[in-house]
């Protein structure tokens, strides 16, 4: 009897401070133009996912803010701990 092993997709996340270039890196690596962020602090407010390889996804998270616990920060932390 043959058994088939199914590999799970892996996920890597871009985590860092606001305005550190995470979205630009995401676009460069995935070739995916998200189109919804701008060139100012805090413009990425949702997590985006794109494929890096057949078995690897990349997630672009909103930047971490040290001065306050914003909704975007909570979403970013929630995404990487889920």
Protein backbone atom coordinates (compact mmCIF):
# COMPACT_ATOMS: atom_id res chain seq x y z
CA UNK A 1 0.00 0.00 0.00
CA UNK A 2 1.38 3.38 -0.97
CA UNK A 3 1.03 6.30 1.34
CA UNK A 4 1.18 9.84 0.16
CA UNK A 5 2.90 12.41 2.30
CA UNK A 6 1.45 15.86 1.84
CA UNK A 7 3.77 18.68 2.78
CA UNK A 8 2.28 21.67 4.51
CA UNK A 9 2.82 25.15 3.15
CA UNK A 10 5.20 27.16 5.24
CA UNK A 11 4.73 30.83 6.05
CA UNK A 12 7.36 33.50 6.67
CA UNK A 13 6.39 36.90 8.07
CA UNK A 14 7.92 40.33 7.62
CA UNK A 15 7.96 41.85 11.10
CA UNK A 16 9.50 45.19 12.02
CA UNK A 17 9.00 48.80 12.94
CA UNK A 18 6.89 51.22 10.91
CA UNK A 19 8.57 52.66 7.83
CA UNK A 20 11.29 50.04 7.74
CA UNK A 21 10.63 48.87 4.15
CA UNK A 22 8.66 45.68 4.81
CA UNK A 23 6.06 46.38 2.09
CA UNK A 24 8.75 47.29 -0.46
CA UNK A 25 10.56 44.04 0.34
CA UNK A 26 7.26 42.12 0.05
CA UNK A 27 6.60 43.62 -3.39
CA UNK A 28 10.16 42.89 -4.51
CA UNK A 29 10.10 39.27 -3.36
CA UNK A 30 6.60 38.31 -4.45
CA UNK A 31 6.24 40.55 -7.51
CA UNK A 32 2.84 41.44 -6.12
CA UNK A 33 1.85 45.10 -6.18
CA UNK A 34 -0.45 45.50 -3.20
CA UNK A 35 -1.34 49.03 -4.27
CA UNK A 36 -2.89 50.09 -0.98
CA UNK A 37 0.07 51.39 0.98
CA UNK A 38 1.70 54.79 0.53
CA UNK A 39 5.05 56.32 1.33
CA UNK A 40 4.22 57.48 4.84
CA UNK A 41 4.38 56.01 8.31
CA UNK A 42 1.60 53.59 9.19
CA UNK A 43 0.17 53.20 5.68
CA UNK A 44 0.08 49.37 5.84
CA UNK A 45 -2.86 48.53 8.10
CA UNK A 46 -3.73 44.95 7.11
CA UNK A 47 -1.75 41.74 6.68
CA UNK A 48 -1.11 40.72 3.06
CA UNK A 49 -0.03 37.30 1.87
CA UNK A 50 1.77 36.28 -1.31
CA UNK A 51 3.56 33.20 -2.61
CA UNK A 52 7.36 33.02 -2.55
CA UNK A 53 7.57 29.42 -3.76
CA UNK A 54 5.31 26.41 -4.29
CA UNK A 55 5.43 25.60 -0.58
CA UNK A 56 6.23 28.99 0.98
CA UNK A 57 4.05 32.05 1.58
CA UNK A 58 5.21 35.48 2.71
CA UNK A 59 3.08 37.72 4.94
CA UNK A 60 3.52 41.50 5.01
CA UNK A 61 2.45 42.79 8.43
CA UNK A 62 1.75 46.33 9.61
CA UNK A 63 4.65 47.98 11.40
CA UNK A 64 5.12 47.69 15.13
CA UNK A 65 4.68 50.92 17.06
CA UNK A 66 6.47 51.34 20.36
CA UNK A 67 4.67 54.43 21.66
CA UNK A 68 1.17 52.98 21.69
CA UNK A 69 -0.63 49.70 21.30
CA UNK A 70 -2.50 50.48 18.08
CA UNK A 71 -5.03 48.30 16.31
CA UNK A 72 -2.48 47.65 13.54
CA UNK A 73 0.09 46.49 16.10
CA UNK A 74 -2.46 44.17 17.71
CA UNK A 75 -3.35 42.73 14.29
CA UNK A 76 0.33 42.17 13.44
CA UNK A 77 1.00 40.40 16.73
CA UNK A 78 -2.18 38.36 16.35
CA UNK A 79 -1.18 37.24 12.86
CA UNK A 80 2.23 35.93 13.88
CA UNK A 81 0.97 34.20 17.04
CA UNK A 82 -2.06 32.52 15.43
